[in-house]
Amino acid sequence: MTTEELFVEVQKALEEIRPFLNSDGGDITLISIEEGKHVKVRLEGACTSCSVNQMTLRAGVETTIKKFAPQIETVVNIL
């Protein structure tokens, strides 16, 4: 998968998870993809102060991204 294709696939994953985050007053932005396997995102809105944002990141965001781009190894939230 090219860098451009990977970017598109990660964006598709974020579009799939975004409605769930929006329903709780949150959102997510893709910051970068490094070395083709490390994704940096920024949880926004209500997600920044939510006590379960790390669970959301792992169970929701990371799982969804890996469904679209299995080569992704890590997903981290950049504050």
PDB file of N, CA and C in Angstrom:
ATOM      1  N   MET A   1       0.856  -1.181   0.000  1.00  0.00           N
ATOM      2  CA  MET A   1       0.000   0.000   0.000  1.00  0.00           C
ATOM      3  C   MET A   1       0.899   1.240   0.000  1.00  0.00           C
ATOM      4  N   THR A   2       0.623   2.165  -0.908  1.00  0.00           N
ATOM      5  CA  THR A   2       1.407   3.399  -0.959  1.00  0.00           C
ATOM      6  C   THR A   2       1.048   4.300   0.223  1.00  0.00           C
ATOM      7  N   THR A   3       1.871   5.309   0.444  1.00  0.00           N
ATOM      8  CA  THR A   3       1.610   6.269   1.515  1.00  0.00           C
ATOM      9  C   THR A   3       0.260   6.944   1.314  1.00  0.00           C
ATOM     10  N   GLU A   4      -0.045   7.294   0.078  1.00  0.00           N
ATOM     11  CA  GLU A   4      -1.317   7.954  -0.225  1.00  0.00           C
ATOM     12  C   GLU A   4      -2.496   7.022   0.037  1.00  0.00           C
ATOM     13  N   GLU A   5      -2.358   5.763  -0.365  1.00  0.00           N
ATOM     14  CA  GLU A   5      -3.425   4.784  -0.130  1.00  0.00           C
ATOM     15  C   GLU A   5      -3.633   4.553   1.363  1.00  0.00           C
ATOM     16  N   LEU A   6      -2.541   4.500   2.106  1.00  0.00           N
ATOM     17  CA  LEU A   6      -2.633   4.312   3.552  1.00  0.00           C
ATOM     18  C   LEU A   6      -3.365   5.489   4.193  1.00  0.00           C
ATOM     19  N   PHE A   7      -3.021   6.699   3.776  1.00  0.00           N
ATOM     20  CA  PHE A   7      -3.684   7.899   4.283  1.00  0.00           C
ATOM     21  C   PHE A   7      -5.184   7.834   4.016  1.00  0.00           C
ATOM     22  N   VAL A   8      -5.566   7.436   2.807  1.00  0.00           N
ATOM     23  CA  VAL A   8      -6.980   7.328   2.437  1.00  0.00           C
ATOM     24  C   VAL A   8      -7.675   6.279   3.298  1.00  0.00           C
ATOM     25  N   GLU A   9      -7.044   5.144   3.516  1.00  0.00           N
ATOM     26  CA  GLU A   9      -7.654   4.079   4.315  1.00  0.00           C
ATOM     27  C   GLU A   9      -7.838   4.507   5.768  1.00  0.00           C
ATOM     28  N   VAL A  10      -6.851   5.194   6.328  1.00  0.00           N
ATOM     29  CA  VAL A  10      -6.974   5.676   7.711  1.00  0.00           C
ATOM     30  C   VAL A  10      -8.081   6.721   7.794  1.00  0.00           C
ATOM     31  N   GLN A  11      -8.176   7.593   6.808  1.00  0.00           N
ATOM     32  CA  GLN A  11      -9.257   8.587   6.790  1.00  0.00           C
ATOM     33  C   GLN A  11     -10.621   7.904   6.706  1.00  0.00           C
ATOM     34  N   LYS A  12     -10.733   6.839   5.916  1.00  0.00           N
ATOM     35  CA  LYS A  12     -11.990   6.079   5.839  1.00  0.00           C
ATOM     36  C   LYS A  12     -12.347   5.516   7.209  1.00  0.00           C
ATOM     37  N   ALA A  13     -11.356   5.002   7.910  1.00  0.00           N
ATOM     38  CA  ALA A  13     -11.589   4.456   9.251  1.00  0.00           C
ATOM     39  C   ALA A  13     -12.094   5.542  10.192  1.00  0.00           C
ATOM     40  N   LEU A  14     -11.485   6.713  10.128  1.00  0.00           N
ATOM     41  CA  LEU A  14     -11.912   7.814  10.997  1.00  0.00           C
ATOM     42  C   LEU A  14     -13.325   8.270  10.655  1.00  0.00           C
ATOM     43  N   GLU A  15     -13.665   8.246   9.374  1.00  0.00           N
ATOM     44  CA  GLU A  15     -15.034   8.602   8.974  1.00  0.00           C
ATOM     45  C   GLU A  15     -16.042   7.594   9.518  1.00  0.00           C
ATOM     46  N   GLU A  16     -15.640   6.339   9.627  1.00  0.00           N
ATOM     47  CA  GLU A  16     -16.541   5.323  10.176  1.00  0.00           C
ATOM     48  C   GLU A  16     -16.761   5.514  11.677  1.00  0.00           C
ATOM     49  N   ILE A  17     -15.730   5.890  12.405  1.00  0.00           N
ATOM     50  CA  ILE A  17     -15.833   6.034  13.864  1.00  0.00           C
ATOM     51  C   ILE A  17     -16.351   7.420  14.269  1.00  0.00           C
ATOM     52  N   ARG A  18     -16.187   8.409  13.402  1.00  0.00           N
ATOM     53  CA  ARG A  18     -16.552   9.799  13.728  1.00  0.00           C
ATOM     54  C   ARG A  18     -17.996   9.975  14.219  1.00  0.00           C
ATOM     55  N   PRO A  19     -19.017   9.345  13.603  1.00  0.00           N
ATOM     56  CA  PRO A  19     -20.389   9.536  14.102  1.00  0.00           C
ATOM     57  C   PRO A  19     -20.568   9.124  15.568  1.00  0.00           C
ATOM     58  N   PHE A  20     -19.853   8.098  15.995  1.00  0.00           N
ATOM     59  CA  PHE A  20     -19.947   7.668  17.394  1.00  0.00           C
ATOM     60  C   PHE A  20     -19.328   8.714  18.317  1.00  0.00           C
ATOM     61  N   LEU A  21     -18.200   9.276  17.902  1.00  0.00           N
ATOM     62  CA  LEU A  21     -17.568  10.323  18.696  1.00  0.00           C
ATOM     63  C   LEU A  21     -18.429  11.580  18.700  1.00  0.00           C
ATOM     64  N   ASN A  22     -18.983  11.938  17.531  1.00  0.00           N
ATOM     65  CA  ASN A  22     -19.845  13.122  17.428  1.00  0.00           C
ATOM     66  C   ASN A  22     -21.069  13.004  18.319  1.00  0.00           C
ATOM     67  N   SER A  23     -21.614  11.797  18.439  1.00  0.00           N
ATOM     68  CA  SER A  23     -22.827  11.614  19.248  1.00  0.00           C
ATOM     69  C   SER A  23     -22.578  11.908  20.720  1.00  0.00           C
ATOM     70  N   ASP A  24     -21.309  11.847  21.142  1.00  0.00           N
ATOM     71  CA  ASP A  24     -20.948  12.174  22.522  1.00  0.00           C
ATOM     72  C   ASP A  24     -20.307  13.555  22.631  1.00  0.00           C
ATOM     73  N   GLY A  25     -20.396  14.339  21.554  1.00  0.00           N
ATOM     74  CA  GLY A  25     -19.844  15.689  21.570  1.00  0.00           C
ATOM     75  C   GLY A  25     -18.357  15.751  21.273  1.00  0.00           C
ATOM     76  N   GLY A  26     -17.807  14.687  20.712  1.00  0.00           N
ATOM     77  CA  GLY A  26     -16.380  14.656  20.411  1.00  0.00           C
ATOM     78  C   GLY A  26     -16.105  14.591  18.926  1.00  0.00           C
ATOM     79  N   ASP A  27     -14.832  14.543  18.601  1.00  0.00           N
ATOM     80  CA  ASP A  27     -14.399  14.408  17.213  1.00  0.00           C
ATOM     81  C   ASP A  27     -12.966  13.896  17.220  1.00  0.00           C
ATOM     82  N   ILE A  28     -12.431  13.650  16.033  1.00  0.00           N
ATOM     83  CA  ILE A  28     -11.068  13.140  15.899  1.00  0.00           C
ATOM     84  C   ILE A  28     -10.447  13.712  14.639  1.00  0.00           C
ATOM     85  N   THR A  29      -9.155  14.026  14.713  1.00  0.00           N
ATOM     86  CA  THR A  29      -8.409  14.539  13.577  1.00  0.00           C
ATOM     87  C   THR A  29      -7.149  13.707  13.401  1.00  0.00           C
ATOM     88  N   LEU A  30      -6.851  13.355  12.161  1.00  0.00           N
ATOM     89  CA  LEU A  30      -5.608  12.653  11.851  1.00  0.00           C
ATOM     90  C   LEU A  30      -4.477  13.671  11.841  1.00  0.00           C
ATOM     91  N   ILE A  31      -3.460  13.440  12.659  1.00  0.00           N
ATOM     92  CA  ILE A  31      -2.307  14.334  12.721  1.00  0.00           C
ATOM     93  C   ILE A  31      -1.215  13.855  11.765  1.00  0.00           C
ATOM     94  N   SER A  32      -0.856  12.571  11.866  1.00  0.00           N
ATOM     95  CA  SER A  32       0.188  12.050  10.986  1.00  0.00           C
ATOM     96  C   SER A  32       0.189  10.530  10.979  1.00  0.00           C
ATOM     97  N   ILE A  33       0.859   9.991   9.971  1.00  0.00           N
ATOM     98  CA  ILE A  33       1.151   8.561   9.905  1.00  0.00           C
ATOM     99  C   ILE A  33       2.659   8.474   9.735  1.00  0.00           C
ATOM    100  N   GLU A  34       3.329   7.848  10.686  1.00  0.00           N
ATOM    101  CA  GLU A  34       4.782   7.792  10.668  1.00  0.00           C
ATOM    102  C   GLU A  34       5.273   6.380  10.376  1.00  0.00           C
ATOM    103  N   GLU A  35       6.250   6.303   9.499  1.00  0.00           N
ATOM    104  CA  GLU A  35       6.879   5.039   9.117  1.00  0.00           C
ATOM    105  C   GLU A  35       5.877   4.019   8.582  1.00  0.00           C
ATOM    106  N   GLY A  36       4.715   4.494   8.142  1.00  0.00           N
ATOM    107  CA  GLY A  36       3.708   3.605   7.584  1.00  0.00           C
ATOM    108  C   GLY A  36       3.055   2.671   8.573  1.00  0.00           C
ATOM    109  N   LYS A  37       3.279   2.903   9.889  1.00  0.00           N
ATOM    110  CA  LYS A  37       2.701   1.987  10.873  1.00  0.00           C
ATOM    111  C   LYS A  37       2.317   2.628  12.198  1.00  0.00           C
ATOM    112  N   HIS A  38       2.581   3.913  12.361  1.00  0.00           N
ATOM    113  CA  HIS A  38       2.248   4.603  13.607  1.00  0.00           C
ATOM    114  C   HIS A  38       1.352   5.797  13.288  1.00  0.00           C
ATOM    115  N   VAL A  39       0.139   5.773  13.831  1.00  0.00           N
ATOM    116  CA  VAL A  39      -0.842   6.829  13.564  1.00  0.00           C
ATOM    117  C   VAL A  39      -0.948   7.740  14.781  1.00  0.00           C
ATOM    118  N   LYS A  40      -0.913   9.039  14.516  1.00  0.00           N
ATOM    119  CA  LYS A  40      -1.132  10.032  15.567  1.00  0.00           C
ATOM    120  C   LYS A  40      -2.432  10.753  15.253  1.00  0.00           C
ATOM    121  N   VAL A  41      -3.310  10.798  16.244  1.00  0.00           N
ATOM    122  CA  VAL A  41      -4.596  11.471  16.108  1.00  0.00           C
ATOM    123  C   VAL A  41      -4.760  12.462  17.250  1.00  0.00           C
ATOM    124  N   ARG A  42      -5.749  13.320  17.123  1.00  0.00           N
ATOM    125  CA  ARG A  42      -6.106  14.223  18.212  1.00  0.00           C
ATOM    126  C   ARG A  42      -7.591  14.047  18.487  1.00  0.00           C
ATOM    127  N   LEU A  43      -7.907  13.570  19.700  1.00  0.00           N
ATOM    128  CA  LEU A  43      -9.298  13.523  20.139  1.00  0.00           C
ATOM    129  C   LEU A  43      -9.691  14.935  20.528  1.00  0.00           C
ATOM    130  N   GLU A  44     -10.883  15.366  20.105  1.00  0.00           N
ATOM    131  CA  GLU A  44     -11.300  16.749  20.297  1.00  0.00           C
ATOM    132  C   GLU A  44     -12.667  16.832  20.955  1.00  0.00           C
ATOM    133  N   GLY A  45     -13.032  18.044  21.341  1.00  0.00           N
ATOM    134  CA  GLY A  45     -14.342  18.275  21.946  1.00  0.00           C
ATOM    135  C   GLY A  45     -14.460  17.554  23.274  1.00  0.00           C
ATOM    136  N   ALA A  46     -15.605  16.926  23.496  1.00  0.00           N
ATOM    137  CA  ALA A  46     -15.861  16.229  24.756  1.00  0.00           C
ATOM    138  C   ALA A  46     -14.883  15.082  24.980  1.00  0.00           C
ATOM    139  N   CYS A  47     -14.272  14.586  23.913  1.00  0.00           N
ATOM    140  CA  CYS A  47     -13.332  13.463  24.039  1.00  0.00           C
ATOM    141  C   CYS A  47     -12.058  13.850  24.783  1.00  0.00           C
ATOM    142  N   THR A  48     -11.728  15.141  24.819  1.00  0.00           N
ATOM    143  CA  THR A  48     -10.482  15.541  25.475  1.00  0.00           C
ATOM    144  C   THR A  48     -10.557  15.391  26.982  1.00  0.00           C
ATOM    145  N   SER A  49     -11.733  15.581  27.548  1.00  0.00           N
ATOM    146  CA  SER A  49     -11.868  15.498  29.002  1.00  0.00           C
ATOM    147  C   SER A  49     -12.591  14.240  29.464  1.00  0.00           C
ATOM    148  N   CYS A  50     -12.943  13.384  28.535  1.00  0.00           N
ATOM    149  CA  CYS A  50     -13.675  12.162  28.869  1.00  0.00           C
ATOM    150  C   CYS A  50     -12.768  11.200  29.623  1.00  0.00           C
ATOM    151  N   SER A  51     -13.284  10.619  30.691  1.00  0.00           N
ATOM    152  CA  SER A  51     -12.479   9.702  31.504  1.00  0.00           C
ATOM    153  C   SER A  51     -12.215   8.373  30.816  1.00  0.00           C
ATOM    154  N   VAL A  52     -12.940   8.062  29.766  1.00  0.00           N
ATOM    155  CA  VAL A  52     -12.731   6.788  29.062  1.00  0.00           C
ATOM    156  C   VAL A  52     -12.098   6.997  27.681  1.00  0.00           C
ATOM    157  N   ASN A  53     -11.428   8.144  27.459  1.00  0.00           N
ATOM    158  CA  ASN A  53     -10.893   8.400  26.122  1.00  0.00           C
ATOM    159  C   ASN A  53      -9.808   7.406  25.716  1.00  0.00           C
ATOM    160  N   GLN A  54      -9.029   6.875  26.661  1.00  0.00           N
ATOM    161  CA  GLN A  54      -8.030   5.866  26.294  1.00  0.00           C
ATOM    162  C   GLN A  54      -8.700   4.565  25.876  1.00  0.00           C
ATOM    163  N   MET A  55      -9.808   4.219  26.523  1.00  0.00           N
ATOM    164  CA  MET A  55     -10.558   3.035  26.121  1.00  0.00           C
ATOM    165  C   MET A  55     -11.169   3.259  24.732  1.00  0.00           C
ATOM    166  N   THR A  56     -11.694   4.452  24.501  1.00  0.00           N
ATOM    167  CA  THR A  56     -12.246   4.793  23.184  1.00  0.00           C
ATOM    168  C   THR A  56     -11.161   4.691  22.125  1.00  0.00           C
ATOM    169  N   LEU A  57      -9.983   5.204  22.449  1.00  0.00           N
ATOM    170  CA  LEU A  57      -8.877   5.177  21.497  1.00  0.00           C
ATOM    171  C   LEU A  57      -8.512   3.744  21.142  1.00  0.00           C
ATOM    172  N   ARG A  58      -8.380   2.877  22.132  1.00  0.00           N
ATOM    173  CA  ARG A  58      -7.966   1.493  21.882  1.00  0.00           C
ATOM    174  C   ARG A  58      -9.097   0.650  21.291  1.00  0.00           C
ATOM    175  N   ALA A  59     -10.243   0.657  21.945  1.00  0.00           N
ATOM    176  CA  ALA A  59     -11.334  -0.241  21.543  1.00  0.00           C
ATOM    177  C   ALA A  59     -12.041   0.229  20.281  1.00  0.00           C
ATOM    178  N   GLY A  60     -12.171   1.518  20.115  1.00  0.00           N
ATOM    179  CA  GLY A  60     -12.907   2.027  18.960  1.00  0.00           C
ATOM    180  C   GLY A  60     -12.018   2.461  17.819  1.00  0.00           C
ATOM    181  N   VAL A  61     -11.177   3.439  18.079  1.00  0.00           N
ATOM    182  CA  VAL A  61     -10.383   4.051  17.018  1.00  0.00           C
ATOM    183  C   VAL A  61      -9.322   3.095  16.482  1.00  0.00           C
ATOM    184  N   GLU A  62      -8.500   2.546  17.363  1.00  0.00           N
ATOM    185  CA  GLU A  62      -7.415   1.672  16.903  1.00  0.00           C
ATOM    186  C   GLU A  62      -7.948   0.436  16.186  1.00  0.00           C
ATOM    187  N   THR A  63      -8.979  -0.173  16.733  1.00  0.00           N
ATOM    188  CA  THR A  63      -9.565  -1.359  16.105  1.00  0.00           C
ATOM    189  C   THR A  63     -10.101  -1.036  14.715  1.00  0.00           C
ATOM    190  N   THR A  64     -10.777   0.094  14.581  1.00  0.00           N
ATOM    191  CA  THR A  64     -11.339   0.485  13.287  1.00  0.00           C
ATOM    192  C   THR A  64     -10.239   0.798  12.281  1.00  0.00           C
ATOM    193  N   ILE A  65      -9.209   1.513  12.710  1.00  0.00           N
ATOM    194  CA  ILE A  65      -8.099   1.819  11.806  1.00  0.00           C
ATOM    195  C   ILE A  65      -7.437   0.534  11.329  1.00  0.00           C
ATOM    196  N   LYS A  66      -7.213  -0.409  12.237  1.00  0.00           N
ATOM    197  CA  LYS A  66      -6.553  -1.666  11.862  1.00  0.00           C
ATOM    198  C   LYS A  66      -7.419  -2.510  10.931  1.00  0.00           C
ATOM    199  N   LYS A  67      -8.728  -2.323  10.993  1.00  0.00           N
ATOM    200  CA  LYS A  67      -9.618  -3.020  10.060  1.00  0.00           C
ATOM    201  C   LYS A  67      -9.373  -2.529   8.629  1.00  0.00           C
ATOM    202  N   PHE A  68      -9.149  -1.232   8.480  1.00  0.00           N
ATOM    203  CA  PHE A  68      -8.914  -0.638   7.166  1.00  0.00           C
ATOM    204  C   PHE A  68      -7.451  -0.736   6.736  1.00  0.00           C
ATOM    205  N   ALA A  69      -6.542  -0.698   7.710  1.00  0.00           N
ATOM    206  CA  ALA A  69      -5.100  -0.704   7.417  1.00  0.00           C
ATOM    207  C   ALA A  69      -4.396  -1.613   8.428  1.00  0.00           C
ATOM    208  N   PRO A  70      -4.394  -2.923   8.177  1.00  0.00           N
ATOM    209  CA  PRO A  70      -3.860  -3.893   9.142  1.00  0.00           C
ATOM    210  C   PRO A  70      -2.386  -3.692   9.503  1.00  0.00           C
ATOM    211  N   GLN A  71      -1.628  -2.994   8.669  1.00  0.00           N
ATOM    212  CA  GLN A  71      -0.214  -2.803   8.963  1.00  0.00           C
ATOM    213  C   GLN A  71       0.043  -1.783  10.063  1.00  0.00           C
ATOM    214  N   ILE A  72      -0.982  -1.045  10.467  1.00  0.00           N
ATOM    215  CA  ILE A  72      -0.821  -0.067  11.541  1.00  0.00           C
ATOM    216  C   ILE A  72      -0.560  -0.802  12.855  1.00  0.00           C
ATOM    217  N   GLU A  73       0.495  -0.373  13.560  1.00  0.00           N
ATOM    218  CA  GLU A  73       0.879  -1.012  14.818  1.00  0.00           C
ATOM    219  C   GLU A  73       0.413  -0.235  16.042  1.00  0.00           C
ATOM    220  N   THR A  74       0.456   1.095  15.963  1.00  0.00           N
ATOM    221  CA  THR A  74       0.070   1.900  17.120  1.00  0.00           C
ATOM    222  C   THR A  74      -0.795   3.078  16.693  1.00  0.00           C
ATOM    223  N   VAL A  75      -1.672   3.466  17.597  1.00  0.00           N
ATOM    224  CA  VAL A  75      -2.477   4.673  17.427  1.00  0.00           C
ATOM    225  C   VAL A  75      -2.370   5.433  18.742  1.00  0.00           C
ATOM    226  N   VAL A  76      -1.889   6.671  18.678  1.00  0.00           N
ATOM    227  CA  VAL A  76      -1.728   7.466  19.890  1.00  0.00           C
ATOM    228  C   VAL A  76      -2.454   8.795  19.744  1.00  0.00           C
ATOM    229  N   ASN A  77      -2.958   9.272  20.879  1.00  0.00           N
ATOM    230  CA  ASN A  77      -3.631  10.562  20.940  1.00  0.00           C
ATOM    231  C   ASN A  77      -2.602  11.628  21.288  1.00  0.00           C
ATOM    232  N   ILE A  78      -2.521  12.655  20.464  1.00  0.00           N
ATOM    233  CA  ILE A  78      -1.622  13.781  20.694  1.00  0.00           C
ATOM    234  C   ILE A  78      -2.449  14.902  21.311  1.00  0.00           C
ATOM    235  N   LEU A  79      -2.036  15.346  22.471  1.00  0.00           N
ATOM    236  CA  LEU A  79      -2.784  16.405  23.163  1.00  0.00           C
ATOM    237  C   LEU A  79      -2.444  17.777  22.633  1.00  0.00           C
TER     238      LEU A  79
END
